[in-house]
Amino acid sequence: MPGNMENITRLSLDGKEFILIGTAHVSKYSAEQVKEVIEIEKPDSVCIELDKDRYKTITEGSKWQDTDIFKVIKEKKATLLLVNLLLSSFQKRIAKQFGINAGQEMIQAIESAKEIEANLVLADRNIQITFSRIWHGIGFWGKIKLITEIVLSIFSDESITEKELEKLKSQDMLTSILNEFTQSFPKLKVPLIDERDQYLAQKIKEAPGHKIVAVLGAAHVPGIKEEIKKDHDLKALNQVPPRSKTTKIIGWSIPVLIIALIVYTFISNPVVGAQQTLSWVLWTGSFAAAGTALALGHPLSILTAFVVAPITTLHPLIAAGWFAGLTQAYIRRPSVRDFENLSDDIFTLKGFWNNKVTRILLIVSLANVGGSLGTFIGGANVVRLFLQNL
């Protein structure tokens, strides 16, 4: 057994032995330790903190050229993909600093499992489901705050030493970091850590054989130690909660109220009604167009955002960013080179804005944010003009 036992946890349950290796995802030592443990223990199964999609990416390479950007926008996954790329950028930047591959410990676990002919278990929940559950639960302002903090942290010039990185494996330090994280985003910890602890624990517990090695991010080890003693419904953990009735009611009530106020004012005073309409068009259209312009969108994409925003902001199920993004994708369709360069371009803020793929994603996101801000201001102005006309 390796001399350093600090990051290794042994558990026995229902006649099975579980060996949990807590790793840092961009650490040279983590990969070496994974190799050593698997070679010595020779487990029946090796569980890794990857889902099917991330496993394909890590074993086959990022086949970005196969991505259908139109499909991403139509399926409302543009913002989720953008956040995924931002997080990937952060991890790859640190990995590049140490001259290693991000996720090297997972690659090592895959290779070592094959060498000893152990079962390989993809134990993590699909990352898109995790992001969807996060996105569903943090609200509009929470989304803006989250993306802002992610962007600021990713493009910071501050570096981290490998010694500091290894310290993140200590439980006390890790708990402290998580506490700070959840103070800013208390709702984030449940889908990002707690639910995945439950999912991972259940998959590890169901892994075939009597001796199981699990290669995990250190953040999950404390939770899995507790959750593995319980039974969890994987189907329930894979569901994306539907929007609540209250959210749906509010989502439809605001547009109906805006339209009703404008129609009523038009009947009683057409001049003021025209002012309300113009105010709504200018505020929603201008803010959506400004978001598109901030993402360096094509003039036609900016125009599209301006034209559609006054309409899309009155419908909870459609958004100006989708139309602006589709227009941008049609006019400035990403080439194979853009997709291939993604892994390098996501390192810098300039790269994010210059790459045609990420620019489209930024257009979708920023146009939607702009349209939402315009809705609040334009809606308030409509109400103000209505009250003045009473």
Protein backbone atom coordinates (compact mmCIF):
# COMPACT_ATOMS: atom_id res chain seq x y z
CA MET A 1 0.00 0.00 0.00
CA PRO A 2 1.31 3.54 -0.80
CA GLY A 3 3.08 5.29 2.03
CA ASN A 4 0.88 8.42 1.91
CA MET A 5 -2.58 7.42 3.14
CA GLU A 6 -3.84 10.98 3.57
CA ASN A 7 -6.09 10.95 0.49
CA ILE A 8 -7.21 7.31 0.69
CA THR A 9 -10.34 6.19 2.52
CA ARG A 10 -11.24 2.53 3.11
CA LEU A 11 -14.83 1.45 3.75
CA SER A 12 -16.50 -1.94 4.23
CA LEU A 13 -20.20 -2.41 3.50
CA ASP A 14 -22.35 -5.47 2.74
CA GLY A 15 -19.35 -7.71 2.15
CA LYS A 16 -17.65 -5.24 -0.18
CA GLU A 17 -14.48 -3.23 0.30
CA PHE A 18 -14.41 0.30 -1.08
CA ILE A 19 -11.20 2.29 -1.54
CA LEU A 20 -11.85 5.98 -2.23
CA ILE A 21 -8.99 8.04 -3.65
CA GLY A 22 -9.51 11.78 -3.19
CA THR A 23 -7.73 13.60 -6.01
CA ALA A 24 -7.07 17.09 -7.32
CA HIS A 25 -8.09 17.07 -10.99
CA VAL A 26 -4.93 18.84 -12.20
CA SER A 27 -2.28 17.29 -9.98
CA LYS A 28 0.70 15.18 -11.07
CA TYR A 29 0.78 13.43 -7.72
CA SER A 30 -2.90 12.43 -7.97
CA ALA A 31 -2.30 10.54 -11.22
CA GLU A 32 0.73 8.77 -9.78
CA GLN A 33 -1.19 7.77 -6.68
CA VAL A 34 -4.10 6.40 -8.71
CA LYS A 35 -1.73 4.20 -10.71
CA GLU A 36 -0.02 2.92 -7.58
CA VAL A 37 -3.22 2.09 -5.69
CA ILE A 38 -4.86 0.24 -8.59
CA GLU A 39 -1.71 -1.79 -9.34
CA ILE A 40 -1.35 -2.84 -5.69
CA GLU A 41 -5.01 -3.42 -4.82
CA LYS A 42 -6.06 -5.06 -8.13
CA PRO A 43 -9.78 -4.26 -7.61
CA ASP A 44 -12.68 -5.96 -9.38
CA SER A 45 -14.02 -2.56 -10.47
CA VAL A 46 -12.63 0.93 -10.89
CA CYS A 47 -15.16 3.74 -10.58
CA ILE A 48 -14.30 7.15 -12.04
CA GLU A 49 -15.90 10.56 -11.63
CA LEU A 50 -16.95 10.83 -15.27
CA ASP A 51 -20.19 10.44 -17.18
CA LYS A 52 -20.51 8.94 -20.67
CA ASP A 53 -20.03 12.24 -22.51
CA ARG A 54 -16.97 13.35 -20.54
CA TYR A 55 -15.51 9.83 -20.89
CA LYS A 56 -15.80 10.12 -24.68
CA THR A 57 -14.21 13.56 -24.60
CA ILE A 58 -11.30 12.43 -22.47
CA THR A 59 -10.65 9.22 -24.43
CA GLU A 60 -11.48 10.31 -27.99
CA GLY A 61 -10.52 13.98 -27.74
CA SER A 62 -12.79 17.01 -27.94
CA LYS A 63 -14.50 16.43 -31.28
CA TRP A 64 -15.82 19.99 -31.37
CA GLN A 65 -16.04 19.90 -35.14
CA ASP A 66 -19.03 17.55 -34.78
CA THR A 67 -20.97 20.14 -32.76
CA ASP A 68 -24.10 21.48 -34.43
CA ILE A 69 -24.25 25.07 -33.17
CA PHE A 70 -27.79 25.53 -34.54
CA LYS A 71 -28.96 22.50 -32.57
CA VAL A 72 -27.30 23.82 -29.39
CA ILE A 73 -29.22 27.11 -29.69
CA LYS A 74 -32.55 25.51 -30.61
CA GLU A 75 -32.32 23.09 -27.68
CA LYS A 76 -31.70 26.06 -25.32
CA LYS A 77 -28.28 24.73 -24.30
CA ALA A 78 -26.17 27.71 -25.39
CA THR A 79 -25.72 29.18 -21.92
CA LEU A 80 -25.08 25.75 -20.38
CA LEU A 81 -22.40 25.07 -23.00
CA LEU A 82 -20.88 28.49 -22.34
CA VAL A 83 -20.65 27.83 -18.59
CA ASN A 84 -19.19 24.39 -19.31
CA LEU A 85 -16.50 25.96 -21.50
CA LEU A 86 -15.74 28.59 -18.87
CA LEU A 87 -15.24 25.96 -16.18
CA SER A 88 -13.16 23.86 -18.58
CA SER A 89 -11.01 26.91 -19.28
CA PHE A 90 -10.28 27.36 -15.57
CA GLN A 91 -9.23 23.73 -15.13
CA LYS A 92 -7.13 23.68 -18.29
CA ARG A 93 -5.37 26.92 -17.35
CA ILE A 94 -4.18 25.42 -14.08
CA ALA A 95 -3.24 22.17 -15.82
CA LYS A 96 -1.22 24.07 -18.40
CA GLN A 97 0.61 25.88 -15.60
CA PHE A 98 1.91 22.52 -14.34
CA GLY A 99 2.49 21.02 -17.79
CA ILE A 100 -0.05 18.22 -17.38
CA ASN A 101 -3.41 17.27 -18.85
CA ALA A 102 -6.59 18.23 -17.00
CA GLY A 103 -8.14 15.03 -15.68
CA GLN A 104 -4.88 13.09 -15.93
CA GLU A 105 -5.84 11.06 -12.86
CA MET A 106 -9.02 9.89 -14.66
CA ILE A 107 -7.03 8.96 -17.76
CA GLN A 108 -4.65 7.03 -15.53
CA ALA A 109 -7.55 5.23 -13.82
CA ILE A 110 -8.95 4.19 -17.21
CA GLU A 111 -5.59 2.88 -18.38
CA SER A 112 -4.85 1.06 -15.10
CA ALA A 113 -8.29 -0.55 -15.08
CA LYS A 114 -7.68 -1.91 -18.57
CA GLU A 115 -4.24 -3.23 -17.59
CA ILE A 116 -5.63 -5.34 -14.72
CA GLU A 117 -8.86 -6.15 -16.67
CA ALA A 118 -11.08 -4.56 -14.02
CA ASN A 119 -14.60 -3.35 -14.72
CA LEU A 120 -14.67 0.37 -15.51
CA VAL A 121 -17.68 2.17 -14.02
CA LEU A 122 -18.66 5.67 -15.15
CA ALA A 123 -20.04 6.79 -11.83
CA ASP A 124 -20.90 10.47 -12.26
CA ARG A 125 -24.16 12.09 -13.30
CA ASN A 126 -24.37 13.66 -16.77
CA ILE A 127 -22.87 17.12 -16.51
CA GLN A 128 -25.70 18.73 -18.51
CA ILE A 129 -28.22 17.42 -15.98
CA THR A 130 -26.12 18.85 -13.15
CA PHE A 131 -25.89 22.25 -14.89
CA SER A 132 -29.62 22.19 -15.66
CA ARG A 133 -30.47 21.51 -12.02
CA ILE A 134 -28.10 24.29 -10.93
CA TRP A 135 -29.51 26.70 -13.52
CA HIS A 136 -33.06 25.84 -12.52
CA GLY A 137 -32.54 26.69 -8.88
CA ILE A 138 -30.57 29.95 -8.69
CA GLY A 139 -32.90 32.49 -10.30
CA PHE A 140 -32.22 35.29 -12.79
CA TRP A 141 -29.87 37.40 -10.65
CA GLY A 142 -28.16 34.27 -9.39
CA LYS A 143 -27.38 33.31 -13.00
CA ILE A 144 -25.83 36.72 -13.69
CA LYS A 145 -23.82 36.65 -10.46
CA LEU A 146 -22.60 33.10 -11.08
CA ILE A 147 -21.42 33.75 -14.65
CA THR A 148 -19.78 37.02 -13.57
CA GLU A 149 -17.82 35.36 -10.76
CA ILE A 150 -16.81 32.43 -12.96
CA VAL A 151 -15.55 34.79 -15.69
CA LEU A 152 -13.65 36.97 -13.20
CA SER A 153 -12.00 33.97 -11.55
CA ILE A 154 -11.11 32.28 -14.83
CA PHE A 155 -9.39 35.24 -16.42
CA SER A 156 -7.57 36.28 -13.27
CA ASP A 157 -3.78 36.33 -13.59
CA GLU A 158 -3.37 34.87 -10.11
CA SER A 159 -1.54 31.53 -10.15
CA ILE A 160 -1.57 28.66 -7.69
CA THR A 161 1.38 26.53 -6.61
CA GLU A 162 1.16 22.76 -6.84
CA LYS A 163 1.82 22.62 -3.10
CA GLU A 164 -1.28 24.77 -2.54
CA LEU A 165 -3.20 22.53 -4.94
CA GLU A 166 -2.27 19.43 -2.96
CA LYS A 167 -3.38 21.16 0.26
CA LEU A 168 -6.90 21.26 -1.16
CA LYS A 169 -7.09 17.53 -0.38
CA SER A 170 -7.05 18.12 3.35
CA GLN A 171 -10.57 17.78 4.68
CA ASP A 172 -10.41 20.86 6.89
CA MET A 173 -9.18 23.09 4.07
CA LEU A 174 -11.72 21.61 1.69
CA THR A 175 -14.59 22.16 4.12
CA SER A 176 -13.49 25.75 4.59
CA ILE A 177 -13.45 26.37 0.83
CA LEU A 178 -16.89 24.83 0.38
CA ASN A 179 -18.29 26.93 3.20
CA GLU A 180 -17.06 30.11 1.50
CA PHE A 181 -18.45 28.90 -1.81
CA THR A 182 -21.89 28.14 -0.46
CA GLN A 183 -22.10 31.47 1.35
CA SER A 184 -22.09 33.18 -2.05
CA PHE A 185 -24.31 30.56 -3.70
CA PRO A 186 -26.08 28.54 -1.00
CA LYS A 187 -28.37 26.82 -3.53
CA LEU A 188 -25.44 25.70 -5.63
CA LYS A 189 -24.04 23.16 -3.18
CA VAL A 190 -27.07 20.86 -3.37
CA PRO A 191 -26.93 19.95 -7.11
CA LEU A 192 -23.19 20.46 -7.49
CA ILE A 193 -21.95 18.55 -4.44
CA ASP A 194 -24.69 16.92 -2.35
CA GLU A 195 -26.72 15.33 -5.17
CA ARG A 196 -23.62 14.16 -6.98
CA ASP A 197 -22.33 12.67 -3.72
CA GLN A 198 -25.54 10.64 -3.58
CA TYR A 199 -25.32 9.65 -7.26
CA LEU A 200 -21.65 8.70 -7.06
CA ALA A 201 -22.17 6.77 -3.83
CA GLN A 202 -24.98 4.70 -5.34
CA LYS A 203 -23.03 3.92 -8.52
CA ILE A 204 -19.95 2.94 -6.49
CA LYS A 205 -22.06 0.74 -4.22
CA GLU A 206 -23.61 -1.01 -7.24
CA ALA A 207 -20.25 -1.61 -8.96
CA PRO A 208 -19.61 -5.32 -9.63
CA GLY A 209 -17.15 -7.29 -7.52
CA HIS A 210 -16.02 -7.35 -3.91
CA LYS A 211 -13.19 -4.80 -4.05
CA ILE A 212 -13.91 -1.42 -5.58
CA VAL A 213 -11.51 1.48 -6.14
CA ALA A 214 -13.17 4.85 -6.76
CA VAL A 215 -11.21 7.79 -8.19
CA LEU A 216 -12.94 10.98 -7.09
CA GLY A 217 -12.41 14.70 -6.69
CA ALA A 218 -11.46 15.30 -3.08
CA ALA A 219 -14.57 17.44 -2.55
CA HIS A 220 -16.80 14.38 -2.84
CA VAL A 221 -15.07 11.98 -0.48
CA PRO A 222 -16.56 13.24 2.84
CA GLY A 223 -20.09 13.19 1.43
CA ILE A 224 -19.73 9.79 -0.23
CA LYS A 225 -18.50 8.27 3.04
CA GLU A 226 -21.91 9.11 4.50
CA GLU A 227 -24.15 8.66 1.46
CA ILE A 228 -22.84 5.19 0.58
CA LYS A 229 -24.56 3.89 3.72
CA LYS A 230 -27.94 4.90 2.26
CA ASP A 231 -29.92 3.91 -0.83
CA HIS A 232 -30.54 6.57 -3.48
CA ASP A 233 -32.92 6.77 -6.45
CA LEU A 234 -30.73 7.40 -9.50
CA LYS A 235 -33.77 8.05 -11.70
CA ALA A 236 -34.93 10.87 -9.42
CA LEU A 237 -31.43 12.37 -9.31
CA ASN A 238 -31.36 12.39 -13.13
CA GLN A 239 -34.56 14.39 -13.49
CA VAL A 240 -34.57 18.11 -14.25
CA PRO A 241 -37.28 19.63 -12.02
CA PRO A 242 -40.07 21.33 -13.97
CA ARG A 243 -40.67 25.01 -13.44
CA SER A 244 -42.89 25.61 -10.44
CA LYS A 245 -46.49 26.74 -10.97
CA THR A 246 -45.67 30.01 -9.21
CA THR A 247 -42.82 30.69 -11.63
CA LYS A 248 -45.05 29.87 -14.61
CA ILE A 249 -47.81 32.13 -13.30
CA ILE A 250 -45.40 35.01 -12.74
CA GLY A 251 -43.77 34.38 -16.11
CA TRP A 252 -47.08 34.75 -17.92
CA SER A 253 -48.63 37.36 -15.60
CA ILE A 254 -46.02 40.05 -16.27
CA PRO A 255 -46.43 40.01 -20.10
CA VAL A 256 -50.22 39.88 -19.77
CA LEU A 257 -50.12 42.84 -17.36
CA ILE A 258 -47.86 44.85 -19.68
CA ILE A 259 -50.09 44.20 -22.69
CA ALA A 260 -53.26 44.94 -20.70
CA LEU A 261 -51.87 48.26 -19.43
CA ILE A 262 -50.83 49.36 -22.92
CA VAL A 263 -54.17 48.34 -24.48
CA TYR A 264 -56.17 50.07 -21.74
CA THR A 265 -54.09 53.25 -22.05
CA PHE A 266 -54.45 53.21 -25.84
CA ILE A 267 -58.23 53.10 -25.46
CA SER A 268 -58.32 55.94 -22.93
CA ASN A 269 -55.47 58.03 -24.31
CA PRO A 270 -53.89 56.93 -27.62
CA VAL A 271 -51.01 59.39 -27.30
CA VAL A 272 -49.87 57.99 -23.96
CA GLY A 273 -50.49 54.46 -25.23
CA ALA A 274 -48.14 55.18 -28.12
CA GLN A 275 -45.58 56.49 -25.64
CA GLN A 276 -45.86 53.25 -23.62
CA THR A 277 -45.40 51.13 -26.74
CA LEU A 278 -42.41 53.16 -27.90
CA SER A 279 -40.88 53.01 -24.43
CA TRP A 280 -41.30 49.21 -24.32
CA VAL A 281 -39.78 48.75 -27.78
CA LEU A 282 -36.84 51.04 -27.11
CA TRP A 283 -35.91 49.69 -23.67
CA THR A 284 -36.22 45.98 -24.46
CA GLY A 285 -34.83 46.27 -27.99
CA SER A 286 -31.93 48.55 -27.05
CA PHE A 287 -30.77 46.44 -24.12
CA ALA A 288 -30.94 43.20 -26.12
CA ALA A 289 -29.09 44.88 -28.98
CA ALA A 290 -26.51 46.26 -26.54
CA GLY A 291 -25.89 42.76 -25.17
CA THR A 292 -25.39 41.48 -28.71
CA ALA A 293 -23.06 44.37 -29.52
CA LEU A 294 -21.06 43.72 -26.34
CA ALA A 295 -20.47 40.18 -27.64
CA LEU A 296 -19.25 41.75 -30.93
CA GLY A 297 -22.20 40.44 -32.87
CA HIS A 298 -22.68 41.12 -36.59
CA PRO A 299 -24.77 44.27 -37.32
CA LEU A 300 -27.61 42.04 -38.56
CA SER A 301 -27.49 40.06 -35.32
CA ILE A 302 -27.68 43.31 -33.35
CA LEU A 303 -30.61 44.44 -35.50
CA THR A 304 -32.31 41.06 -35.02
CA ALA A 305 -32.00 41.36 -31.24
CA PHE A 306 -33.49 44.87 -31.34
CA VAL A 307 -36.42 43.83 -33.54
CA VAL A 308 -37.40 40.60 -31.76
CA ALA A 309 -36.78 41.61 -28.13
CA PRO A 310 -40.01 43.64 -27.70
CA ILE A 311 -41.93 40.52 -28.77
CA THR A 312 -39.87 37.75 -27.16
CA THR A 313 -39.83 39.53 -23.80
CA LEU A 314 -43.61 39.17 -23.78
CA HIS A 315 -43.35 35.39 -24.18
CA PRO A 316 -41.75 33.35 -21.35
CA LEU A 317 -40.80 30.47 -23.65
CA ILE A 318 -38.77 32.33 -26.26
CA ALA A 319 -35.81 34.70 -25.99
CA ALA A 320 -34.16 37.36 -28.12
CA GLY A 321 -30.75 35.75 -27.71
CA TRP A 322 -31.82 32.64 -29.56
CA PHE A 323 -32.75 34.64 -32.68
CA ALA A 324 -29.67 36.84 -32.46
CA GLY A 325 -27.49 33.74 -32.01
CA LEU A 326 -29.08 31.92 -34.92
CA THR A 327 -28.59 34.99 -37.13
CA GLN A 328 -24.94 35.21 -36.09
CA ALA A 329 -24.45 31.47 -36.73
CA TYR A 330 -25.97 31.81 -40.19
CA ILE A 331 -23.89 34.85 -41.16
CA ARG A 332 -20.66 33.88 -39.39
CA ARG A 333 -20.95 30.11 -39.35
CA PRO A 334 -18.08 28.59 -37.32
CA SER A 335 -15.53 26.64 -39.30
CA VAL A 336 -13.92 23.37 -38.32
CA ARG A 337 -10.88 25.42 -37.28
CA ASP A 338 -12.99 27.42 -34.80
CA PHE A 339 -14.10 24.25 -33.10
CA GLU A 340 -10.60 22.79 -33.14
CA ASN A 341 -9.18 26.00 -31.63
CA LEU A 342 -11.72 26.07 -28.80
CA SER A 343 -9.40 24.30 -26.36
CA ASP A 344 -6.81 27.09 -26.83
CA ASP A 345 -9.14 30.06 -27.28
CA ILE A 346 -11.00 29.48 -24.01
CA PHE A 347 -7.80 30.31 -22.09
CA THR A 348 -8.23 34.06 -22.60
CA LEU A 349 -10.96 36.67 -22.62
CA LYS A 350 -9.81 37.77 -26.08
CA GLY A 351 -10.03 34.19 -27.32
CA PHE A 352 -13.59 33.85 -26.04
CA TRP A 353 -14.66 36.93 -27.99
CA ASN A 354 -12.68 36.09 -31.15
CA ASN A 355 -13.67 32.45 -31.59
CA LYS A 356 -16.86 32.25 -33.67
CA VAL A 357 -18.28 29.44 -31.52
CA THR A 358 -17.93 31.16 -28.16
CA ARG A 359 -18.97 34.48 -29.69
CA ILE A 360 -22.29 32.94 -30.70
CA LEU A 361 -22.75 31.55 -27.19
CA LEU A 362 -21.91 34.96 -25.73
CA ILE A 363 -24.41 36.63 -28.06
CA VAL A 364 -27.18 34.28 -26.94
CA SER A 365 -26.40 34.81 -23.26
CA LEU A 366 -25.76 38.57 -23.30
CA ALA A 367 -28.73 39.34 -25.56
CA ASN A 368 -30.98 37.41 -23.19
CA VAL A 369 -29.55 39.22 -20.16
CA GLY A 370 -29.98 42.56 -21.94
CA GLY A 371 -33.57 41.75 -22.91
CA SER A 372 -34.37 40.78 -19.33
CA LEU A 373 -32.93 44.04 -17.98
CA GLY A 374 -34.87 45.98 -20.62
CA THR A 375 -38.03 44.19 -19.53
CA PHE A 376 -37.67 45.45 -15.95
CA ILE A 377 -36.97 49.03 -16.99
CA GLY A 378 -39.45 49.13 -19.86
CA GLY A 379 -42.13 47.49 -17.75
CA ALA A 380 -41.62 50.01 -14.95
CA ASN A 381 -41.95 52.85 -17.46
CA VAL A 382 -45.17 51.39 -18.87
CA VAL A 383 -46.61 51.25 -15.35
CA ARG A 384 -45.44 54.80 -14.63
CA LEU A 385 -47.15 56.18 -17.76
CA PHE A 386 -50.30 54.22 -16.95
CA LEU A 387 -50.49 55.69 -13.41
CA GLN A 388 -49.88 59.20 -14.72
CA ASN A 389 -52.75 58.77 -17.15
CA LEU A 390 -55.29 57.72 -14.49
